[in-house]
Amino acid sequence: MIKMKGFFDFYESAVDKETKIKNLIDEKGSAGWNSLHWACYFGFVEALTELVKLGGDVNIISEDEWTPLQLASHKNHIESKGVKGRMETKSEIVAKIILNNTAQKVEIDRVTRRMTALHIAVKNGKSEMVALLLEKGADAR
């Protein structure tokens, strides 16, 4: 019985730690953004990958009404890398990290006062981002 109690204490501690980490990731700072918003805004690919793996909410809306995906559609990170014969921007890579996340359902058509990620990409003339969002199921209407 004592061994089982130790197991349950360990399990509760691990679950509690996971919850604390997720809460920390999703916590909004003084600007109303959480760590996923900042990672998308600055194109921090590695950081975003880890934050998503740790359960960060990919659909969270900032106080000024940005979702991480909308920020990826808005930003135009110049740095890029070669992918399948073309250069891919960090913004596209960031969007793919969010869209390819299987742990959460991404609300690709989430509407805020900024409109949807697709509207933002069209407005900014980001044809590759538009193609990616449509390929992933964004509503073109």
Protein backbone atom coordinates (compact mmCIF):
# COMPACT_ATOMS: atom_id res chain seq x y z
CA MET A 1 0.00 0.00 0.00
CA ILE A 2 2.85 2.39 0.81
CA LYS A 3 4.44 1.74 -2.61
CA MET A 4 1.14 2.62 -4.32
CA LYS A 5 0.87 5.85 -2.29
CA GLY A 6 4.36 6.79 -3.48
CA PHE A 7 3.33 6.16 -7.09
CA PHE A 8 0.19 8.30 -6.74
CA ASP A 9 2.18 11.10 -5.05
CA PHE A 10 4.66 10.98 -7.95
CA TYR A 11 1.83 10.95 -10.53
CA GLU A 12 0.04 13.90 -8.88
CA SER A 13 3.33 15.80 -8.72
CA ALA A 14 4.01 15.17 -12.43
CA VAL A 15 0.47 16.21 -13.45
CA ASP A 16 0.71 19.30 -11.25
CA LYS A 17 4.07 20.22 -12.84
CA GLU A 18 2.62 19.79 -16.35
CA THR A 19 -0.34 22.03 -15.45
CA LYS A 20 1.97 24.68 -13.99
CA ILE A 21 4.12 24.67 -17.13
CA LYS A 22 1.06 25.02 -19.40
CA ASN A 23 -0.32 27.83 -17.22
CA LEU A 24 3.02 29.62 -17.37
CA ILE A 25 3.15 29.29 -21.17
CA ASP A 26 -0.41 30.62 -21.56
CA GLU A 27 -0.02 33.43 -19.02
CA LYS A 28 -0.33 36.85 -20.60
CA GLY A 29 2.17 39.56 -19.76
CA SER A 30 1.60 43.27 -19.33
CA ALA A 31 1.21 43.72 -23.10
CA GLY A 32 -1.59 41.13 -23.14
CA TRP A 33 0.46 38.60 -25.11
CA ASN A 34 1.63 35.16 -24.03
CA SER A 35 4.84 33.37 -24.99
CA LEU A 36 3.30 31.90 -28.19
CA HIS A 37 2.35 35.39 -29.41
CA TRP A 38 5.91 36.64 -28.87
CA ALA A 39 7.46 33.57 -30.51
CA CYS A 40 5.26 34.04 -33.59
CA TYR A 41 5.85 37.80 -33.70
CA PHE A 42 9.63 37.43 -33.65
CA GLY A 43 9.79 34.20 -35.67
CA PHE A 44 11.41 32.18 -32.89
CA VAL A 45 10.89 28.81 -34.57
CA GLU A 46 12.67 26.63 -31.99
CA ALA A 47 10.96 28.33 -29.05
CA LEU A 48 7.53 28.01 -30.67
CA THR A 49 8.12 24.33 -31.39
CA GLU A 50 8.86 23.67 -27.72
CA LEU A 51 5.97 25.81 -26.46
CA VAL A 52 3.52 23.91 -28.67
CA LYS A 53 4.98 20.56 -27.54
CA LEU A 54 4.49 21.64 -23.93
CA GLY A 55 0.80 22.32 -24.58
CA GLY A 56 0.68 26.06 -25.19
CA ASP A 57 -2.75 27.16 -26.44
CA VAL A 58 -2.35 27.78 -30.20
CA ASN A 59 -5.76 29.47 -30.36
CA ILE A 60 -5.31 31.94 -27.50
CA ILE A 61 -6.37 35.51 -28.27
CA SER A 62 -4.31 38.41 -26.96
CA GLU A 63 -5.91 41.43 -25.34
CA ASP A 64 -5.43 43.36 -28.60
CA GLU A 65 -7.08 40.44 -30.44
CA TRP A 66 -4.25 38.57 -32.16
CA THR A 67 -4.02 34.79 -32.35
CA PRO A 68 -0.59 33.24 -32.87
CA LEU A 69 -1.63 32.15 -36.38
CA GLN A 70 -2.78 35.67 -37.24
CA LEU A 71 0.61 37.01 -36.15
CA ALA A 72 2.36 34.48 -38.38
CA SER A 73 0.15 35.66 -41.27
CA HIS A 74 0.87 39.30 -40.46
CA LYS A 75 4.63 39.26 -39.94
CA ASN A 76 7.03 39.11 -42.84
CA HIS A 77 10.23 37.65 -41.46
CA ILE A 78 12.97 38.14 -44.03
CA GLU A 79 15.13 35.24 -42.89
CA SER A 80 14.24 32.05 -44.66
CA LYS A 81 15.53 28.62 -45.53
CA GLY A 82 15.43 26.51 -48.66
CA VAL A 83 12.61 24.00 -48.79
CA LYS A 84 11.84 21.87 -51.84
CA GLY A 85 13.50 24.23 -54.30
CA ARG A 86 12.11 27.49 -52.91
CA MET A 87 12.81 29.80 -50.03
CA GLU A 88 10.35 29.53 -47.15
CA THR A 89 9.94 32.47 -44.77
CA LYS A 90 10.06 32.06 -41.01
CA SER A 91 6.44 33.23 -40.97
CA GLU A 92 5.47 30.21 -43.08
CA ILE A 93 7.50 27.90 -40.86
CA VAL A 94 5.82 29.36 -37.76
CA ALA A 95 2.38 28.90 -39.34
CA LYS A 96 3.20 25.28 -40.20
CA ILE A 97 4.23 24.56 -36.60
CA ILE A 98 0.83 25.79 -35.46
CA LEU A 99 -1.17 24.17 -38.27
CA ASN A 100 0.60 20.80 -38.05
CA ASN A 101 0.03 20.58 -34.32
CA THR A 102 -1.90 17.37 -33.70
CA ALA A 103 -2.44 17.79 -29.96
CA GLN A 104 -4.95 20.63 -30.41
CA LYS A 105 -7.54 21.56 -33.00
CA VAL A 106 -6.36 24.75 -34.62
CA GLU A 107 -9.15 27.26 -35.17
CA ILE A 108 -7.87 28.31 -38.59
CA ASP A 109 -10.92 30.50 -39.30
CA ARG A 110 -10.93 32.21 -35.89
CA VAL A 111 -12.31 35.73 -36.36
CA THR A 112 -11.19 38.64 -34.22
CA ARG A 113 -11.31 42.36 -34.93
CA ARG A 114 -8.20 41.61 -37.03
CA MET A 115 -10.32 39.24 -39.19
CA THR A 116 -8.92 35.74 -39.96
CA ALA A 117 -5.35 34.64 -40.65
CA LEU A 118 -6.36 34.20 -44.32
CA HIS A 119 -7.71 37.77 -44.55
CA ILE A 120 -4.47 39.08 -43.06
CA ALA A 121 -2.30 37.07 -45.47
CA VAL A 122 -4.34 38.26 -48.49
CA LYS A 123 -4.22 41.88 -47.30
CA ASN A 124 -0.43 41.68 -46.94
CA GLY A 125 0.06 40.02 -50.35
CA LYS A 126 1.58 36.85 -48.87
CA SER A 127 0.64 34.38 -51.61
CA GLU A 128 2.56 31.42 -50.15
CA MET A 129 0.88 31.94 -46.77
CA VAL A 130 -2.51 32.18 -48.50
CA ALA A 131 -1.81 28.90 -50.31
CA LEU A 132 -0.75 27.22 -47.05
CA LEU A 133 -3.85 28.37 -45.17
CA LEU A 134 -6.16 27.25 -48.00
CA GLU A 135 -4.37 23.89 -48.19
CA LYS A 136 -4.94 23.46 -44.45
CA GLY A 137 -8.66 24.17 -44.80
CA ALA A 138 -9.14 27.90 -44.32
CA ASP A 139 -12.54 29.12 -45.50
CA ALA A 140 -12.09 31.34 -48.58
CA ARG A 141 -15.55 32.86 -48.31
